[in-house]
Amino acid sequence: DVCSSDLDMFAFKLLKQGDKGEDVKVLQRRLADLGYFDSSVTGNFGSVTREAVVAFQQRCGLDADGMVGQQTYARLFADDAPLAG
């Protein structure tokens, strides 16, 4: 399918502790850019990544469950995503 590659970046899946891969790297880089993640980008969603997600969710007034669902993802990649601190 010619269009599938165009849709990949809009494909959505829940990211949570224990997940691995490129999606997690993208998440870690974004959290680092915003000042929530101060560790190396590994692509492994561990406790440090989870803590960064929780901090971001709390800052945004989202349900701080440490999982990156559609709402958290949308806020994270919004132009006006809040910086840490």
PDB file of N, CA and C in Angstrom:
ATOM      1  N   ASP A   1       0.846  -1.188   0.000  1.00  0.00           N
ATOM      2  CA  ASP A   1       0.000   0.000   0.000  1.00  0.00           C
ATOM      3  C   ASP A   1       0.887   1.245   0.000  1.00  0.00           C
ATOM      4  N   VAL A   2       0.718   2.060  -1.006  1.00  0.00           N
ATOM      5  CA  VAL A   2       1.543   3.257  -1.190  1.00  0.00           C
ATOM      6  C   VAL A   2       1.357   4.240  -0.035  1.00  0.00           C
ATOM      7  N   CYS A   3       0.136   4.350   0.487  1.00  0.00           N
ATOM      8  CA  CYS A   3      -0.172   5.352   1.509  1.00  0.00           C
ATOM      9  C   CYS A   3       0.259   4.948   2.914  1.00  0.00           C
ATOM     10  N   SER A   4       0.523   3.677   3.139  1.00  0.00           N
ATOM     11  CA  SER A   4       0.777   3.234   4.511  1.00  0.00           C
ATOM     12  C   SER A   4       1.962   3.953   5.153  1.00  0.00           C
ATOM     13  N   SER A   5       3.019   4.222   4.390  1.00  0.00           N
ATOM     14  CA  SER A   5       4.178   4.894   4.988  1.00  0.00           C
ATOM     15  C   SER A   5       3.833   6.320   5.404  1.00  0.00           C
ATOM     16  N   ASP A   6       2.944   6.958   4.667  1.00  0.00           N
ATOM     17  CA  ASP A   6       2.508   8.311   5.025  1.00  0.00           C
ATOM     18  C   ASP A   6       1.693   8.307   6.313  1.00  0.00           C
ATOM     19  N   LEU A   7       1.011   7.215   6.555  1.00  0.00           N
ATOM     20  CA  LEU A   7       0.146   7.135   7.721  1.00  0.00           C
ATOM     21  C   LEU A   7       0.890   6.697   8.978  1.00  0.00           C
ATOM     22  N   ASP A   8       2.064   6.133   8.823  1.00  0.00           N
ATOM     23  CA  ASP A   8       2.799   5.615   9.979  1.00  0.00           C
ATOM     24  C   ASP A   8       2.978   6.660  11.077  1.00  0.00           C
ATOM     25  N   MET A   9       3.295   7.892  10.683  1.00  0.00           N
ATOM     26  CA  MET A   9       3.550   8.891  11.706  1.00  0.00           C
ATOM     27  C   MET A   9       2.280   9.299  12.445  1.00  0.00           C
ATOM     28  N   PHE A  10       1.123   8.981  11.890  1.00  0.00           N
ATOM     29  CA  PHE A  10      -0.138   9.270  12.562  1.00  0.00           C
ATOM     30  C   PHE A  10      -0.694   8.033  13.255  1.00  0.00           C
ATOM     31  N   ALA A  11      -0.047   6.906  13.023  1.00  0.00           N
ATOM     32  CA  ALA A  11      -0.494   5.677  13.684  1.00  0.00           C
ATOM     33  C   ALA A  11      -0.272   5.867  15.172  1.00  0.00           C
ATOM     34  N   PHE A  12      -1.186   5.379  15.970  1.00  0.00           N
ATOM     35  CA  PHE A  12      -1.043   5.620  17.391  1.00  0.00           C
ATOM     36  C   PHE A  12      -1.105   4.330  18.167  1.00  0.00           C
ATOM     37  N   LYS A  13      -0.184   4.181  19.094  1.00  0.00           N
ATOM     38  CA  LYS A  13      -0.277   3.062  20.017  1.00  0.00           C
ATOM     39  C   LYS A  13       0.172   3.515  21.392  1.00  0.00           C
ATOM     40  N   LEU A  14      -0.408   2.926  22.403  1.00  0.00           N
ATOM     41  CA  LEU A  14      -0.080   3.253  23.785  1.00  0.00           C
ATOM     42  C   LEU A  14       1.368   2.868  24.063  1.00  0.00           C
ATOM     43  N   LEU A  15       2.116   3.786  24.683  1.00  0.00           N
ATOM     44  CA  LEU A  15       3.484   3.480  25.099  1.00  0.00           C
ATOM     45  C   LEU A  15       3.505   3.408  26.620  1.00  0.00           C
ATOM     46  N   LYS A  16       4.141   2.352  27.132  1.00  0.00           N
ATOM     47  CA  LYS A  16       4.180   2.172  28.591  1.00  0.00           C
ATOM     48  C   LYS A  16       5.483   1.499  28.999  1.00  0.00           C
ATOM     49  N   GLN A  17       5.720   1.472  30.305  1.00  0.00           N
ATOM     50  CA  GLN A  17       6.944   0.874  30.831  1.00  0.00           C
ATOM     51  C   GLN A  17       7.074  -0.558  30.333  1.00  0.00           C
ATOM     52  N   GLY A  18       8.277  -0.911  29.871  1.00  0.00           N
ATOM     53  CA  GLY A  18       8.532  -2.243  29.331  1.00  0.00           C
ATOM     54  C   GLY A  18       8.583  -2.245  27.813  1.00  0.00           C
ATOM     55  N   ASP A  19       8.028  -1.187  27.192  1.00  0.00           N
ATOM     56  CA  ASP A  19       8.066  -1.102  25.726  1.00  0.00           C
ATOM     57  C   ASP A  19       9.474  -0.742  25.258  1.00  0.00           C
ATOM     58  N   LYS A  20       9.774  -1.124  24.015  1.00  0.00           N
ATOM     59  CA  LYS A  20      11.077  -0.856  23.413  1.00  0.00           C
ATOM     60  C   LYS A  20      10.883  -0.456  21.963  1.00  0.00           C
ATOM     61  N   GLY A  21      11.852   0.298  21.438  1.00  0.00           N
ATOM     62  CA  GLY A  21      11.825   0.574  20.011  1.00  0.00           C
ATOM     63  C   GLY A  21      11.943   2.038  19.644  1.00  0.00           C
ATOM     64  N   GLU A  22      11.770   2.294  18.357  1.00  0.00           N
ATOM     65  CA  GLU A  22      11.944   3.634  17.793  1.00  0.00           C
ATOM     66  C   GLU A  22      10.928   4.620  18.362  1.00  0.00           C
ATOM     67  N   ASP A  23       9.694   4.166  18.601  1.00  0.00           N
ATOM     68  CA  ASP A  23       8.663   5.045  19.173  1.00  0.00           C
ATOM     69  C   ASP A  23       9.104   5.566  20.534  1.00  0.00           C
ATOM     70  N   VAL A  24       9.735   4.697  21.312  1.00  0.00           N
ATOM     71  CA  VAL A  24      10.201   5.087  22.641  1.00  0.00           C
ATOM     72  C   VAL A  24      11.354   6.090  22.523  1.00  0.00           C
ATOM     73  N   LYS A  25      12.228   5.894  21.529  1.00  0.00           N
ATOM     74  CA  LYS A  25      13.321   6.852  21.298  1.00  0.00           C
ATOM     75  C   LYS A  25      12.761   8.233  20.976  1.00  0.00           C
ATOM     76  N   VAL A  26      11.745   8.276  20.130  1.00  0.00           N
ATOM     77  CA  VAL A  26      11.108   9.548  19.766  1.00  0.00           C
ATOM     78  C   VAL A  26      10.527  10.209  21.024  1.00  0.00           C
ATOM     79  N   LEU A  27       9.869   9.404  21.851  1.00  0.00           N
ATOM     80  CA  LEU A  27       9.304   9.887  23.111  1.00  0.00           C
ATOM     81  C   LEU A  27      10.408  10.449  24.017  1.00  0.00           C
ATOM     82  N   GLN A  28      11.488   9.692  24.183  1.00  0.00           N
ATOM     83  CA  GLN A  28      12.591  10.110  25.055  1.00  0.00           C
ATOM     84  C   GLN A  28      13.233  11.400  24.554  1.00  0.00           C
ATOM     85  N   ARG A  29      13.419  11.502  23.233  1.00  0.00           N
ATOM     86  CA  ARG A  29      14.017  12.725  22.673  1.00  0.00           C
ATOM     87  C   ARG A  29      13.123  13.930  22.944  1.00  0.00           C
ATOM     88  N   ARG A  30      11.815  13.750  22.776  1.00  0.00           N
ATOM     89  CA  ARG A  30      10.874  14.856  22.991  1.00  0.00           C
ATOM     90  C   ARG A  30      10.848  15.260  24.468  1.00  0.00           C
ATOM     91  N   LEU A  31      10.827  14.281  25.353  1.00  0.00           N
ATOM     92  CA  LEU A  31      10.857  14.577  26.790  1.00  0.00           C
ATOM     93  C   LEU A  31      12.147  15.304  27.160  1.00  0.00           C
ATOM     94  N   ALA A  32      13.259  14.909  26.533  1.00  0.00           N
ATOM     95  CA  ALA A  32      14.552  15.556  26.779  1.00  0.00           C
ATOM     96  C   ALA A  32      14.527  16.998  26.266  1.00  0.00           C
ATOM     97  N   ASP A  33      13.971  17.206  25.069  1.00  0.00           N
ATOM     98  CA  ASP A  33      13.874  18.549  24.485  1.00  0.00           C
ATOM     99  C   ASP A  33      13.110  19.492  25.406  1.00  0.00           C
ATOM    100  N   LEU A  34      12.108  18.960  26.088  1.00  0.00           N
ATOM    101  CA  LEU A  34      11.261  19.778  26.963  1.00  0.00           C
ATOM    102  C   LEU A  34      11.818  19.866  28.387  1.00  0.00           C
ATOM    103  N   GLY A  35      12.902  19.103  28.664  1.00  0.00           N
ATOM    104  CA  GLY A  35      13.559  19.190  29.951  1.00  0.00           C
ATOM    105  C   GLY A  35      13.072  18.210  31.011  1.00  0.00           C
ATOM    106  N   TYR A  36      12.301  17.208  30.602  1.00  0.00           N
ATOM    107  CA  TYR A  36      11.775  16.227  31.568  1.00  0.00           C
ATOM    108  C   TYR A  36      12.649  14.983  31.687  1.00  0.00           C
ATOM    109  N   PHE A  37      13.440  14.720  30.655  1.00  0.00           N
ATOM    110  CA  PHE A  37      14.211  13.476  30.578  1.00  0.00           C
ATOM    111  C   PHE A  37      15.690  13.807  30.503  1.00  0.00           C
ATOM    112  N   ASP A  38      16.442  13.389  31.507  1.00  0.00           N
ATOM    113  CA  ASP A  38      17.852  13.753  31.602  1.00  0.00           C
ATOM    114  C   ASP A  38      18.723  12.501  31.590  1.00  0.00           C
ATOM    115  N   SER A  39      18.414  11.607  30.679  1.00  0.00           N
ATOM    116  CA  SER A  39      19.137  10.345  30.606  1.00  0.00           C
ATOM    117  C   SER A  39      19.435  10.058  29.137  1.00  0.00           C
ATOM    118  N   SER A  40      20.151   8.978  28.848  1.00  0.00           N
ATOM    119  CA  SER A  40      20.453   8.690  27.451  1.00  0.00           C
ATOM    120  C   SER A  40      19.234   8.079  26.756  1.00  0.00           C
ATOM    121  N   VAL A  41      19.101   8.407  25.480  1.00  0.00           N
ATOM    122  CA  VAL A  41      18.004   7.896  24.662  1.00  0.00           C
ATOM    123  C   VAL A  41      18.347   6.468  24.257  1.00  0.00           C
ATOM    124  N   THR A  42      17.631   5.518  24.825  1.00  0.00           N
ATOM    125  CA  THR A  42      17.942   4.102  24.614  1.00  0.00           C
ATOM    126  C   THR A  42      16.874   3.358  23.819  1.00  0.00           C
ATOM    127  N   GLY A  43      15.659   3.900  23.808  1.00  0.00           N
ATOM    128  CA  GLY A  43      14.564   3.174  23.182  1.00  0.00           C
ATOM    129  C   GLY A  43      13.943   2.159  24.120  1.00  0.00           C
ATOM    130  N   ASN A  44      14.381   2.145  25.385  1.00  0.00           N
ATOM    131  CA  ASN A  44      13.797   1.265  26.401  1.00  0.00           C
ATOM    132  C   ASN A  44      12.972   2.108  27.364  1.00  0.00           C
ATOM    133  N   PHE A  45      11.687   1.824  27.468  1.00  0.00           N
ATOM    134  CA  PHE A  45      10.791   2.568  28.354  1.00  0.00           C
ATOM    135  C   PHE A  45      10.911   1.968  29.747  1.00  0.00           C
ATOM    136  N   GLY A  46      11.831   2.533  30.531  1.00  0.00           N
ATOM    137  CA  GLY A  46      12.048   2.059  31.891  1.00  0.00           C
ATOM    138  C   GLY A  46      11.489   3.039  32.906  1.00  0.00           C
ATOM    139  N   SER A  47      11.920   2.896  34.161  1.00  0.00           N
ATOM    140  CA  SER A  47      11.382   3.720  35.243  1.00  0.00           C
ATOM    141  C   SER A  47      11.729   5.201  35.077  1.00  0.00           C
ATOM    142  N   VAL A  48      12.905   5.510  34.521  1.00  0.00           N
ATOM    143  CA  VAL A  48      13.302   6.906  34.333  1.00  0.00           C
ATOM    144  C   VAL A  48      12.386   7.576  33.300  1.00  0.00           C
ATOM    145  N   THR A  49      12.090   6.863  32.232  1.00  0.00           N
ATOM    146  CA  THR A  49      11.178   7.387  31.212  1.00  0.00           C
ATOM    147  C   THR A  49       9.786   7.555  31.804  1.00  0.00           C
ATOM    148  N   ARG A  50       9.362   6.577  32.589  1.00  0.00           N
ATOM    149  CA  ARG A  50       8.035   6.641  33.205  1.00  0.00           C
ATOM    150  C   ARG A  50       7.931   7.862  34.125  1.00  0.00           C
ATOM    151  N   GLU A  51       8.962   8.105  34.924  1.00  0.00           N
ATOM    152  CA  GLU A  51       8.972   9.266  35.824  1.00  0.00           C
ATOM    153  C   GLU A  51       8.890  10.570  35.033  1.00  0.00           C
ATOM    154  N   ALA A  52       9.586  10.621  33.897  1.00  0.00           N
ATOM    155  CA  ALA A  52       9.552  11.815  33.047  1.00  0.00           C
ATOM    156  C   ALA A  52       8.144  12.028  32.488  1.00  0.00           C
ATOM    157  N   VAL A  53       7.503  10.945  32.078  1.00  0.00           N
ATOM    158  CA  VAL A  53       6.136  11.024  31.548  1.00  0.00           C
ATOM    159  C   VAL A  53       5.178  11.511  32.638  1.00  0.00           C
ATOM    160  N   VAL A  54       5.303  10.954  33.837  1.00  0.00           N
ATOM    161  CA  VAL A  54       4.446  11.363  34.962  1.00  0.00           C
ATOM    162  C   VAL A  54       4.631  12.856  35.253  1.00  0.00           C
ATOM    163  N   ALA A  55       5.883  13.320  35.280  1.00  0.00           N
ATOM    164  CA  ALA A  55       6.158  14.741  35.538  1.00  0.00           C
ATOM    165  C   ALA A  55       5.499  15.618  34.472  1.00  0.00           C
ATOM    166  N   PHE A  56       5.603  15.197  33.224  1.00  0.00           N
ATOM    167  CA  PHE A  56       4.980  15.947  32.128  1.00  0.00           C
ATOM    168  C   PHE A  56       3.455  15.956  32.284  1.00  0.00           C
ATOM    169  N   GLN A  57       2.885  14.792  32.575  1.00  0.00           N
ATOM    170  CA  GLN A  57       1.434  14.691  32.729  1.00  0.00           C
ATOM    171  C   GLN A  57       0.940  15.586  33.872  1.00  0.00           C
ATOM    172  N   GLN A  58       1.666  15.581  34.976  1.00  0.00           N
ATOM    173  CA  GLN A  58       1.285  16.417  36.116  1.00  0.00           C
ATOM    174  C   GLN A  58       1.336  17.894  35.733  1.00  0.00           C
ATOM    175  N   ARG A  59       2.367  18.282  35.002  1.00  0.00           N
ATOM    176  CA  ARG A  59       2.531  19.673  34.567  1.00  0.00           C
ATOM    177  C   ARG A  59       1.381  20.106  33.672  1.00  0.00           C
ATOM    178  N   CYS A  60       0.832  19.163  32.903  1.00  0.00           N
ATOM    179  CA  CYS A  60      -0.257  19.462  31.967  1.00  0.00           C
ATOM    180  C   CYS A  60      -1.638  19.264  32.582  1.00  0.00           C
ATOM    181  N   GLY A  61      -1.686  18.763  33.806  1.00  0.00           N
ATOM    182  CA  GLY A  61      -2.973  18.484  34.424  1.00  0.00           C
ATOM    183  C   GLY A  61      -3.660  17.261  33.833  1.00  0.00           C
ATOM    184  N   LEU A  62      -2.860  16.368  33.271  1.00  0.00           N
ATOM    185  CA  LEU A  62      -3.394  15.118  32.707  1.00  0.00           C
ATOM    186  C   LEU A  62      -3.388  14.036  33.785  1.00  0.00           C
ATOM    187  N   ASP A  63      -4.083  12.947  33.517  1.00  0.00           N
ATOM    188  CA  ASP A  63      -4.066  11.788  34.403  1.00  0.00           C
ATOM    189  C   ASP A  63      -2.634  11.245  34.412  1.00  0.00           C
ATOM    190  N   ALA A  64      -1.951  11.362  35.550  1.00  0.00           N
ATOM    191  CA  ALA A  64      -0.530  11.003  35.620  1.00  0.00           C
ATOM    192  C   ALA A  64      -0.346   9.515  35.878  1.00  0.00           C
ATOM    193  N   ASP A  65      -0.586   8.715  34.847  1.00  0.00           N
ATOM    194  CA  ASP A  65      -0.480   7.254  34.971  1.00  0.00           C
ATOM    195  C   ASP A  65       0.851   6.720  34.445  1.00  0.00           C
ATOM    196  N   GLY A  66       1.676   7.605  33.877  1.00  0.00           N
ATOM    197  CA  GLY A  66       2.980   7.186  33.377  1.00  0.00           C
ATOM    198  C   GLY A  66       2.937   6.467  32.044  1.00  0.00           C
ATOM    199  N   MET A  67       1.744   6.404  31.453  1.00  0.00           N
ATOM    200  CA  MET A  67       1.608   5.789  30.134  1.00  0.00           C
ATOM    201  C   MET A  67       1.298   6.884  29.120  1.00  0.00           C
ATOM    202  N   VAL A  68       1.829   6.723  27.923  1.00  0.00           N
ATOM    203  CA  VAL A  68       1.615   7.731  26.894  1.00  0.00           C
ATOM    204  C   VAL A  68       0.461   7.290  26.002  1.00  0.00           C
ATOM    205  N   GLY A  69      -0.712   7.793  26.360  1.00  0.00           N
ATOM    206  CA  GLY A  69      -1.911   7.568  25.551  1.00  0.00           C
ATOM    207  C   GLY A  69      -2.074   8.716  24.575  1.00  0.00           C
ATOM    208  N   GLN A  70      -3.187   8.725  23.885  1.00  0.00           N
ATOM    209  CA  GLN A  70      -3.400   9.709  22.833  1.00  0.00           C
ATOM    210  C   GLN A  70      -3.377  11.153  23.352  1.00  0.00           C
ATOM    211  N   GLN A  71      -3.969  11.398  24.516  1.00  0.00           N
ATOM    212  CA  GLN A  71      -3.999  12.751  25.089  1.00  0.00           C
ATOM    213  C   GLN A  71      -2.596  13.228  25.443  1.00  0.00           C
ATOM    214  N   THR A  72      -1.851  12.370  26.123  1.00  0.00           N
ATOM    215  CA  THR A  72      -0.488  12.733  26.514  1.00  0.00           C
ATOM    216  C   THR A  72       0.360  12.965  25.271  1.00  0.00           C
ATOM    217  N   TYR A  73       0.231  12.097  24.290  1.00  0.00           N
ATOM    218  CA  TYR A  73       1.001  12.211  23.055  1.00  0.00           C
ATOM    219  C   TYR A  73       0.700  13.534  22.357  1.00  0.00           C
ATOM    220  N   ALA A  74      -0.589  13.877  22.292  1.00  0.00           N
ATOM    221  CA  ALA A  74      -1.000  15.115  21.625  1.00  0.00           C
ATOM    222  C   ALA A  74      -0.409  16.346  22.320  1.00  0.00           C
ATOM    223  N   ARG A  75      -0.426  16.347  23.661  1.00  0.00           N
ATOM    224  CA  ARG A  75       0.128  17.474  24.418  1.00  0.00           C
ATOM    225  C   ARG A  75       1.649  17.537  24.269  1.00  0.00           C
ATOM    226  N   LEU A  76       2.265  16.369  24.290  1.00  0.00           N
ATOM    227  CA  LEU A  76       3.716  16.274  24.208  1.00  0.00           C
ATOM    228  C   LEU A  76       4.252  16.879  22.908  1.00  0.00           C
ATOM    229  N   PHE A  77       3.531  16.628  21.817  1.00  0.00           N
ATOM    230  CA  PHE A  77       3.994  17.074  20.521  1.00  0.00           C
ATOM    231  C   PHE A  77       3.296  18.340  20.040  1.00  0.00           C
ATOM    232  N   ALA A  78       2.537  18.989  20.932  1.00  0.00           N
ATOM    233  CA  ALA A  78       1.908  20.264  20.591  1.00  0.00           C
ATOM    234  C   ALA A  78       2.978  21.349  20.574  1.00  0.00           C
ATOM    235  N   ASP A  79       2.747  22.377  19.779  1.00  0.00           N
ATOM    236  CA  ASP A  79       3.712  23.489  19.683  1.00  0.00           C
ATOM    237  C   ASP A  79       3.876  24.194  21.023  1.00  0.00           C
ATOM    238  N   ASP A  80       2.827  24.162  21.841  1.00  0.00           N
ATOM    239  CA  ASP A  80       2.884  24.870  23.121  1.00  0.00           C
ATOM    240  C   ASP A  80       3.084  23.916  24.317  1.00  0.00           C
ATOM    241  N   ALA A  81       3.713  22.767  24.060  1.00  0.00           N
ATOM    242  CA  ALA A  81       3.977  21.820  25.143  1.00  0.00           C
ATOM    243  C   ALA A  81       4.801  22.518  26.223  1.00  0.00           C
ATOM    244  N   PRO A  82       4.415  22.377  27.491  1.00  0.00           N
ATOM    245  CA  PRO A  82       5.122  23.086  28.576  1.00  0.00           C
ATOM    246  C   PRO A  82       6.506  22.507  28.866  1.00  0.00           C
ATOM    247  N   LEU A  83       7.436  23.405  29.117  1.00  0.00           N
ATOM    248  CA  LEU A  83       8.779  22.990  29.500  1.00  0.00           C
ATOM    249  C   LEU A  83       8.788  22.588  30.975  1.00  0.00           C
ATOM    250  N   ALA A  84       9.728  21.747  31.342  1.00  0.00           N
ATOM    251  CA  ALA A  84       9.862  21.331  32.747  1.00  0.00           C
ATOM    252  C   ALA A  84      10.253  22.542  33.589  1.00  0.00           C
ATOM    253  N   GLY A  85       9.910  22.478  34.870  1.00  0.00           N
ATOM    254  CA  GLY A  85      10.297  23.547  35.781  1.00  0.00           C
ATOM    255  C   GLY A  85       9.427  24.744  35.612  1.00  0.00           C
TER     256      GLY A  85
END
